[in-house]
Amino acid sequence: MAEKRSIKDLIDGLVDKDGIKTEVTVTLTNQTLTKIVLALLASGATIVVVAHLTKNLFPNHQIAALQADIKSIKETLKTQLK
């Protein structure tokens, strides 16, 4: 299993006596990449679910008003065309 490092060790690896190191090597294991991919998929799915629930749970009053207007226009046209 990989060795656990403290945040101080990570910062010391990025900064030396001359300042911030410009050449930093980041190693990603298969396990880390898998976690990143799963986190991205989960966040995408969560965004889709929240958007869907928000759209369906909180109706748009402007759309409802437009639908009511269209319905009344259709009824008026039907009565005038008869």
PDB file of N, CA and C in Angstrom:
ATOM      1  N   MET A   1       0.845  -1.177   0.000  1.00  0.00           N
ATOM      2  CA  MET A   1       0.000   0.000   0.000  1.00  0.00           C
ATOM      3  C   MET A   1       0.885   1.233   0.000  1.00  0.00           C
ATOM      4  N   ALA A   2       0.417   2.283  -0.616  1.00  0.00           N
ATOM      5  CA  ALA A   2       1.199   3.515  -0.736  1.00  0.00           C
ATOM      6  C   ALA A   2       1.407   4.154   0.630  1.00  0.00           C
ATOM      7  N   GLU A   3       2.542   4.808   0.738  1.00  0.00           N
ATOM      8  CA  GLU A   3       2.899   5.469   1.987  1.00  0.00           C
ATOM      9  C   GLU A   3       2.092   6.757   2.132  1.00  0.00           C
ATOM     10  N   LYS A   4       1.514   6.981   3.327  1.00  0.00           N
ATOM     11  CA  LYS A   4       0.746   8.191   3.582  1.00  0.00           C
ATOM     12  C   LYS A   4       1.711   9.327   3.875  1.00  0.00           C
ATOM     13  N   ARG A   5       1.456  10.481   3.258  1.00  0.00           N
ATOM     14  CA  ARG A   5       2.301  11.646   3.475  1.00  0.00           C
ATOM     15  C   ARG A   5       1.481  12.757   4.111  1.00  0.00           C
ATOM     16  N   SER A   6       2.153  13.562   4.908  1.00  0.00           N
ATOM     17  CA  SER A   6       1.470  14.699   5.492  1.00  0.00           C
ATOM     18  C   SER A   6       1.504  15.865   4.513  1.00  0.00           C
ATOM     19  N   ILE A   7       0.679  16.870   4.759  1.00  0.00           N
ATOM     20  CA  ILE A   7       0.640  18.037   3.882  1.00  0.00           C
ATOM     21  C   ILE A   7       1.970  18.772   3.917  1.00  0.00           C
ATOM     22  N   LYS A   8       2.660  18.726   5.066  1.00  0.00           N
ATOM     23  CA  LYS A   8       3.967  19.391   5.175  1.00  0.00           C
ATOM     24  C   LYS A   8       4.976  18.740   4.234  1.00  0.00           C
ATOM     25  N   ASP A   9       4.958  17.415   4.156  1.00  0.00           N
ATOM     26  CA  ASP A   9       5.859  16.717   3.236  1.00  0.00           C
ATOM     27  C   ASP A   9       5.559  17.075   1.779  1.00  0.00           C
ATOM     28  N   LEU A  10       4.275  17.201   1.448  1.00  0.00           N
ATOM     29  CA  LEU A  10       3.905  17.558   0.079  1.00  0.00           C
ATOM     30  C   LEU A  10       4.355  18.983  -0.257  1.00  0.00           C
ATOM     31  N   ILE A  11       4.160  19.899   0.676  1.00  0.00           N
ATOM     32  CA  ILE A  11       4.579  21.283   0.433  1.00  0.00           C
ATOM     33  C   ILE A  11       6.097  21.367   0.349  1.00  0.00           C
ATOM     34  N   ASP A  12       6.792  20.636   1.203  1.00  0.00           N
ATOM     35  CA  ASP A  12       8.258  20.627   1.138  1.00  0.00           C
ATOM     36  C   ASP A  12       8.744  20.082  -0.203  1.00  0.00           C
ATOM     37  N   GLY A  13       7.979  19.187  -0.802  1.00  0.00           N
ATOM     38  CA  GLY A  13       8.348  18.651  -2.099  1.00  0.00           C
ATOM     39  C   GLY A  13       8.146  19.653  -3.229  1.00  0.00           C
ATOM     40  N   LEU A  14       7.296  20.645  -3.009  1.00  0.00           N
ATOM     41  CA  LEU A  14       7.029  21.658  -4.032  1.00  0.00           C
ATOM     42  C   LEU A  14       7.867  22.920  -3.868  1.00  0.00           C
ATOM     43  N   VAL A  15       8.343  23.149  -2.642  1.00  0.00           N
ATOM     44  CA  VAL A  15       9.086  24.379  -2.362  1.00  0.00           C
ATOM     45  C   VAL A  15      10.451  24.009  -1.804  1.00  0.00           C
ATOM     46  N   ASP A  16      11.487  24.651  -2.323  1.00  0.00           N
ATOM     47  CA  ASP A  16      12.823  24.463  -1.760  1.00  0.00           C
ATOM     48  C   ASP A  16      13.381  25.817  -1.350  1.00  0.00           C
ATOM     49  N   LYS A  17      14.682  25.884  -1.052  1.00  0.00           N
ATOM     50  CA  LYS A  17      15.272  27.127  -0.545  1.00  0.00           C
ATOM     51  C   LYS A  17      15.241  28.251  -1.576  1.00  0.00           C
ATOM     52  N   ASP A  18      15.173  27.925  -2.872  1.00  0.00           N
ATOM     53  CA  ASP A  18      15.151  28.935  -3.923  1.00  0.00           C
ATOM     54  C   ASP A  18      13.737  29.381  -4.298  1.00  0.00           C
ATOM     55  N   GLY A  19      12.739  28.740  -3.769  1.00  0.00           N
ATOM     56  CA  GLY A  19      11.352  29.094  -4.088  1.00  0.00           C
ATOM     57  C   GLY A  19      10.592  27.880  -4.566  1.00  0.00           C
ATOM     58  N   ILE A  20       9.569  28.127  -5.337  1.00  0.00           N
ATOM     59  CA  ILE A  20       8.725  27.039  -5.845  1.00  0.00           C
ATOM     60  C   ILE A  20       9.468  26.287  -6.937  1.00  0.00           C
ATOM     61  N   LYS A  21       9.452  24.982  -6.826  1.00  0.00           N
ATOM     62  CA  LYS A  21      10.092  24.148  -7.847  1.00  0.00           C
ATOM     63  C   LYS A  21       9.249  24.190  -9.115  1.00  0.00           C
ATOM     64  N   THR A  22       9.908  24.312 -10.244  1.00  0.00           N
ATOM     65  CA  THR A  22       9.171  24.368 -11.505  1.00  0.00           C
ATOM     66  C   THR A  22       8.996  22.993 -12.119  1.00  0.00           C
ATOM     67  N   GLU A  23       9.790  22.050 -11.726  1.00  0.00           N
ATOM     68  CA  GLU A  23       9.667  20.695 -12.246  1.00  0.00           C
ATOM     69  C   GLU A  23       9.135  19.796 -11.141  1.00  0.00           C
ATOM     70  N   VAL A  24       7.864  19.499 -11.244  1.00  0.00           N
ATOM     71  CA  VAL A  24       7.202  18.674 -10.245  1.00  0.00           C
ATOM     72  C   VAL A  24       6.672  17.435 -10.936  1.00  0.00           C
ATOM     73  N   THR A  25       6.952  16.284 -10.371  1.00  0.00           N
ATOM     74  CA  THR A  25       6.458  15.032 -10.924  1.00  0.00           C
ATOM     75  C   THR A  25       5.257  14.571 -10.112  1.00  0.00           C
ATOM     76  N   VAL A  26       4.154  14.355 -10.805  1.00  0.00           N
ATOM     77  CA  VAL A  26       2.946  13.857 -10.156  1.00  0.00           C
ATOM     78  C   VAL A  26       2.709  12.450 -10.664  1.00  0.00           C
ATOM     79  N   THR A  27       2.621  11.509  -9.737  1.00  0.00           N
ATOM     80  CA  THR A  27       2.403  10.117 -10.104  1.00  0.00           C
ATOM     81  C   THR A  27       0.966   9.736  -9.765  1.00  0.00           C
ATOM     82  N   LEU A  28       0.249   9.262 -10.772  1.00  0.00           N
ATOM     83  CA  LEU A  28      -1.123   8.816 -10.567  1.00  0.00           C
ATOM     84  C   LEU A  28      -1.168   7.300 -10.727  1.00  0.00           C
ATOM     85  N   THR A  29      -1.679   6.656  -9.720  1.00  0.00           N
ATOM     86  CA  THR A  29      -1.820   5.201  -9.790  1.00  0.00           C
ATOM     87  C   THR A  29      -3.162   4.859 -10.443  1.00  0.00           C
ATOM     88  N   ASN A  30      -3.327   3.605 -10.792  1.00  0.00           N
ATOM     89  CA  ASN A  30      -4.607   3.167 -11.366  1.00  0.00           C
ATOM     90  C   ASN A  30      -5.749   3.401 -10.396  1.00  0.00           C
ATOM     91  N   GLN A  31      -5.489   3.198  -9.124  1.00  0.00           N
ATOM     92  CA  GLN A  31      -6.515   3.397  -8.108  1.00  0.00           C
ATOM     93  C   GLN A  31      -6.925   4.871  -8.049  1.00  0.00           C
ATOM     94  N   THR A  32      -5.952   5.777  -8.115  1.00  0.00           N
ATOM     95  CA  THR A  32      -6.255   7.209  -8.077  1.00  0.00           C
ATOM     96  C   THR A  32      -7.033   7.625  -9.319  1.00  0.00           C
ATOM     97  N   LEU A  33      -6.620   7.152 -10.479  1.00  0.00           N
ATOM     98  CA  LEU A  33      -7.340   7.476 -11.712  1.00  0.00           C
ATOM     99  C   LEU A  33      -8.763   6.940 -11.681  1.00  0.00           C
ATOM    100  N   THR A  34      -8.939   5.744 -11.140  1.00  0.00           N
ATOM    101  CA  THR A  34     -10.277   5.165 -11.025  1.00  0.00           C
ATOM    102  C   THR A  34     -11.150   6.022 -10.115  1.00  0.00           C
ATOM    103  N   LYS A  35     -10.592   6.483  -9.010  1.00  0.00           N
ATOM    104  CA  LYS A  35     -11.351   7.346  -8.093  1.00  0.00           C
ATOM    105  C   LYS A  35     -11.725   8.658  -8.761  1.00  0.00           C
ATOM    106  N   ILE A  36     -10.813   9.235  -9.538  1.00  0.00           N
ATOM    107  CA  ILE A  36     -11.091  10.494 -10.231  1.00  0.00           C
ATOM    108  C   ILE A  36     -12.214  10.303 -11.250  1.00  0.00           C
ATOM    109  N   VAL A  37     -12.142   9.236 -12.035  1.00  0.00           N
ATOM    110  CA  VAL A  37     -13.158   8.974 -13.054  1.00  0.00           C
ATOM    111  C   VAL A  37     -14.513   8.726 -12.398  1.00  0.00           C
ATOM    112  N   LEU A  38     -14.542   7.936 -11.346  1.00  0.00           N
ATOM    113  CA  LEU A  38     -15.810   7.666 -10.659  1.00  0.00           C
ATOM    114  C   LEU A  38     -16.385   8.933 -10.037  1.00  0.00           C
ATOM    115  N   ALA A  39     -15.533   9.785  -9.485  1.00  0.00           N
ATOM    116  CA  ALA A  39     -16.006  11.043  -8.905  1.00  0.00           C
ATOM    117  C   ALA A  39     -16.591  11.951  -9.983  1.00  0.00           C
ATOM    118  N   LEU A  40     -15.956  12.010 -11.153  1.00  0.00           N
ATOM    119  CA  LEU A  40     -16.485  12.825 -12.246  1.00  0.00           C
ATOM    120  C   LEU A  40     -17.824  12.281 -12.756  1.00  0.00           C
ATOM    121  N   LEU A  41     -17.917  10.961 -12.882  1.00  0.00           N
ATOM    122  CA  LEU A  41     -19.181  10.360 -13.319  1.00  0.00           C
ATOM    123  C   LEU A  41     -20.290  10.604 -12.300  1.00  0.00           C
ATOM    124  N   ALA A  42     -19.969  10.443 -11.031  1.00  0.00           N
ATOM    125  CA  ALA A  42     -20.961  10.657  -9.977  1.00  0.00           C
ATOM    126  C   ALA A  42     -21.408  12.118  -9.934  1.00  0.00           C
ATOM    127  N   SER A  43     -20.475  13.042 -10.098  1.00  0.00           N
ATOM    128  CA  SER A  43     -20.862  14.451 -10.070  1.00  0.00           C
ATOM    129  C   SER A  43     -21.714  14.798 -11.283  1.00  0.00           C
ATOM    130  N   GLY A  44     -21.393  14.247 -12.447  1.00  0.00           N
ATOM    131  CA  GLY A  44     -22.217  14.482 -13.625  1.00  0.00           C
ATOM    132  C   GLY A  44     -23.622  13.933 -13.458  1.00  0.00           C
ATOM    133  N   ALA A  45     -23.721  12.736 -12.923  1.00  0.00           N
ATOM    134  CA  ALA A  45     -25.040  12.137 -12.685  1.00  0.00           C
ATOM    135  C   ALA A  45     -25.830  12.946 -11.668  1.00  0.00           C
ATOM    136  N   THR A  46     -25.147  13.444 -10.648  1.00  0.00           N
ATOM    137  CA  THR A  46     -25.815  14.245  -9.632  1.00  0.00           C
ATOM    138  C   THR A  46     -26.358  15.534 -10.229  1.00  0.00           C
ATOM    139  N   ILE A  47     -25.576  16.170 -11.097  1.00  0.00           N
ATOM    140  CA  ILE A  47     -26.035  17.401 -11.742  1.00  0.00           C
ATOM    141  C   ILE A  47     -27.281  17.142 -12.582  1.00  0.00           C
ATOM    142  N   VAL A  48     -27.286  16.037 -13.321  1.00  0.00           N
ATOM    143  CA  VAL A  48     -28.440  15.702 -14.155  1.00  0.00           C
ATOM    144  C   VAL A  48     -29.668  15.436 -13.293  1.00  0.00           C
ATOM    145  N   VAL A  49     -29.502  14.687 -12.212  1.00  0.00           N
ATOM    146  CA  VAL A  49     -30.637  14.363 -11.330  1.00  0.00           C
ATOM    147  C   VAL A  49     -31.181  15.623 -10.666  1.00  0.00           C
ATOM    148  N   VAL A  50     -30.295  16.478 -10.165  1.00  0.00           N
ATOM    149  CA  VAL A  50     -30.744  17.712  -9.504  1.00  0.00           C
ATOM    150  C   VAL A  50     -31.461  18.619 -10.502  1.00  0.00           C
ATOM    151  N   ALA A  51     -30.934  18.742 -11.709  1.00  0.00           N
ATOM    152  CA  ALA A  51     -31.591  19.575 -12.720  1.00  0.00           C
ATOM    153  C   ALA A  51     -32.973  19.022 -13.069  1.00  0.00           C
ATOM    154  N   HIS A  52     -33.069  17.707 -13.207  1.00  0.00           N
ATOM    155  CA  HIS A  52     -34.359  17.082 -13.533  1.00  0.00           C
ATOM    156  C   HIS A  52     -35.368  17.286 -12.399  1.00  0.00           C
ATOM    157  N   LEU A  53     -34.930  17.042 -11.164  1.00  0.00           N
ATOM    158  CA  LEU A  53     -35.835  17.219 -10.028  1.00  0.00           C
ATOM    159  C   LEU A  53     -36.254  18.675  -9.868  1.00  0.00           C
ATOM    160  N   THR A  54     -35.328  19.589 -10.061  1.00  0.00           N
ATOM    161  CA  THR A  54     -35.655  21.007  -9.936  1.00  0.00           C
ATOM    162  C   THR A  54     -36.674  21.421 -10.989  1.00  0.00           C
ATOM    163  N   LYS A  55     -36.482  20.934 -12.198  1.00  0.00           N
ATOM    164  CA  LYS A  55     -37.401  21.276 -13.280  1.00  0.00           C
ATOM    165  C   LYS A  55     -38.800  20.735 -13.014  1.00  0.00           C
ATOM    166  N   ASN A  56     -38.888  19.529 -12.481  1.00  0.00           N
ATOM    167  CA  ASN A  56     -40.194  18.901 -12.277  1.00  0.00           C
ATOM    168  C   ASN A  56     -40.861  19.269 -10.963  1.00  0.00           C
ATOM    169  N   LEU A  57     -40.101  19.577  -9.937  1.00  0.00           N
ATOM    170  CA  LEU A  57     -40.699  19.897  -8.643  1.00  0.00           C
ATOM    171  C   LEU A  57     -41.119  21.358  -8.530  1.00  0.00           C
ATOM    172  N   PHE A  58     -40.445  22.229  -9.271  1.00  0.00           N
ATOM    173  CA  PHE A  58     -40.758  23.650  -9.222  1.00  0.00           C
ATOM    174  C   PHE A  58     -41.232  24.094 -10.604  1.00  0.00           C
ATOM    175  N   PRO A  59     -42.552  24.066 -10.807  1.00  0.00           N
ATOM    176  CA  PRO A  59     -43.066  24.387 -12.139  1.00  0.00           C
ATOM    177  C   PRO A  59     -42.811  25.852 -12.501  1.00  0.00           C
ATOM    178  N   ASN A  60     -42.618  26.083 -13.783  1.00  0.00           N
ATOM    179  CA  ASN A  60     -42.397  27.427 -14.286  1.00  0.00           C
ATOM    180  C   ASN A  60     -43.752  28.101 -14.486  1.00  0.00           C
ATOM    181  N   HIS A  61     -43.994  29.174 -13.754  1.00  0.00           N
ATOM    182  CA  HIS A  61     -45.302  29.829 -13.796  1.00  0.00           C
ATOM    183  C   HIS A  61     -45.530  30.548 -15.126  1.00  0.00           C
ATOM    184  N   GLN A  62     -44.468  30.989 -15.766  1.00  0.00           N
ATOM    185  CA  GLN A  62     -44.624  31.641 -17.064  1.00  0.00           C
ATOM    186  C   GLN A  62     -45.087  30.640 -18.115  1.00  0.00           C
ATOM    187  N   ILE A  63     -44.538  29.438 -18.077  1.00  0.00           N
ATOM    188  CA  ILE A  63     -44.958  28.408 -19.033  1.00  0.00           C
ATOM    189  C   ILE A  63     -46.410  28.021 -18.774  1.00  0.00           C
ATOM    190  N   ALA A  64     -46.788  27.919 -17.508  1.00  0.00           N
ATOM    191  CA  ALA A  64     -48.173  27.577 -17.179  1.00  0.00           C
ATOM    192  C   ALA A  64     -49.125  28.667 -17.666  1.00  0.00           C
ATOM    193  N   ALA A  65     -48.721  29.924 -17.521  1.00  0.00           N
ATOM    194  CA  ALA A  65     -49.564  31.025 -17.986  1.00  0.00           C
ATOM    195  C   ALA A  65     -49.679  31.003 -19.512  1.00  0.00           C
ATOM    196  N   LEU A  66     -48.579  30.735 -20.199  1.00  0.00           N
ATOM    197  CA  LEU A  66     -48.616  30.648 -21.661  1.00  0.00           C
ATOM    198  C   LEU A  66     -49.509  29.505 -22.127  1.00  0.00           C
ATOM    199  N   GLN A  67     -49.440  28.374 -21.443  1.00  0.00           N
ATOM    200  CA  GLN A  67     -50.279  27.236 -21.820  1.00  0.00           C
ATOM    201  C   GLN A  67     -51.755  27.572 -21.622  1.00  0.00           C
ATOM    202  N   ALA A  68     -52.065  28.285 -20.551  1.00  0.00           N
ATOM    203  CA  ALA A  68     -53.455  28.686 -20.314  1.00  0.00           C
ATOM    204  C   ALA A  68     -53.922  29.662 -21.393  1.00  0.00           C
ATOM    205  N   ASP A  69     -53.067  30.603 -21.796  1.00  0.00           N
ATOM    206  CA  ASP A  69     -53.414  31.553 -22.859  1.00  0.00           C
ATOM    207  C   ASP A  69     -53.639  30.833 -24.179  1.00  0.00           C
ATOM    208  N   ILE A  70     -52.769  29.892 -24.493  1.00  0.00           N
ATOM    209  CA  ILE A  70     -52.905  29.135 -25.741  1.00  0.00           C
ATOM    210  C   ILE A  70     -54.205  28.338 -25.737  1.00  0.00           C
ATOM    211  N   LYS A  71     -54.545  27.765 -24.596  1.00  0.00           N
ATOM    212  CA  LYS A  71     -55.780  26.994 -24.498  1.00  0.00           C
ATOM    213  C   LYS A  71     -57.000  27.891 -24.721  1.00  0.00           C
ATOM    214  N   SER A  72     -56.979  29.074 -24.121  1.00  0.00           N
ATOM    215  CA  SER A  72     -58.121  29.986 -24.307  1.00  0.00           C
ATOM    216  C   SER A  72     -58.194  30.489 -25.746  1.00  0.00           C
ATOM    217  N   ILE A  73     -57.059  30.722 -26.381  1.00  0.00           N
ATOM    218  CA  ILE A  73     -57.050  31.141 -27.792  1.00  0.00           C
ATOM    219  C   ILE A  73     -57.624  30.040 -28.669  1.00  0.00           C
ATOM    220  N   LYS A  74     -57.244  28.792 -28.412  1.00  0.00           N
ATOM    221  CA  LYS A  74     -57.772  27.663 -29.196  1.00  0.00           C
ATOM    222  C   LYS A  74     -59.285  27.566 -29.036  1.00  0.00           C
ATOM    223  N   GLU A  75     -59.759  27.710 -27.806  1.00  0.00           N
ATOM    224  CA  GLU A  75     -61.213  27.624 -27.578  1.00  0.00           C
ATOM    225  C   GLU A  75     -61.944  28.760 -28.262  1.00  0.00           C
ATOM    226  N   THR A  76     -61.361  29.980 -28.236  1.00  0.00           N
ATOM    227  CA  THR A  76     -61.978  31.116 -28.895  1.00  0.00           C
ATOM    228  C   THR A  76     -62.035  30.894 -30.401  1.00  0.00           C
ATOM    229  N   LEU A  77     -60.950  30.391 -30.973  1.00  0.00           N
ATOM    230  CA  LEU A  77     -60.926  30.117 -32.405  1.00  0.00           C
ATOM    231  C   LEU A  77     -61.931  29.042 -32.789  1.00  0.00           C
ATOM    232  N   LYS A  78     -62.080  28.014 -31.960  1.00  0.00           N
ATOM    233  CA  LYS A  78     -63.048  26.953 -32.266  1.00  0.00           C
ATOM    234  C   LYS A  78     -64.456  27.503 -32.285  1.00  0.00           C
ATOM    235  N   THR A  79     -64.780  28.356 -31.316  1.00  0.00           N
ATOM    236  CA  THR A  79     -66.136  28.891 -31.267  1.00  0.00           C
ATOM    237  C   THR A  79     -66.393  29.871 -32.424  1.00  0.00           C
ATOM    238  N   GLN A  80     -65.391  30.630 -32.829  1.00  0.00           N
ATOM    239  CA  GLN A  80     -65.573  31.592 -33.917  1.00  0.00           C
ATOM    240  C   GLN A  80     -65.637  30.911 -35.282  1.00  0.00           C
ATOM    241  N   LEU A  81     -64.966  29.780 -35.428  1.00  0.00           N
ATOM    242  CA  LEU A  81     -64.952  29.094 -36.708  1.00  0.00           C
ATOM    243  C   LEU A  81     -66.179  28.218 -36.920  1.00  0.00           C
ATOM    244  N   LYS A  82     -66.973  27.977 -35.912  1.00  0.00           N
ATOM    245  CA  LYS A  82     -68.163  27.132 -36.058  1.00  0.00           C
ATOM    246  C   LYS A  82     -69.298  27.885 -36.645  1.00  0.00           C
TER     247      LYS A  82
END
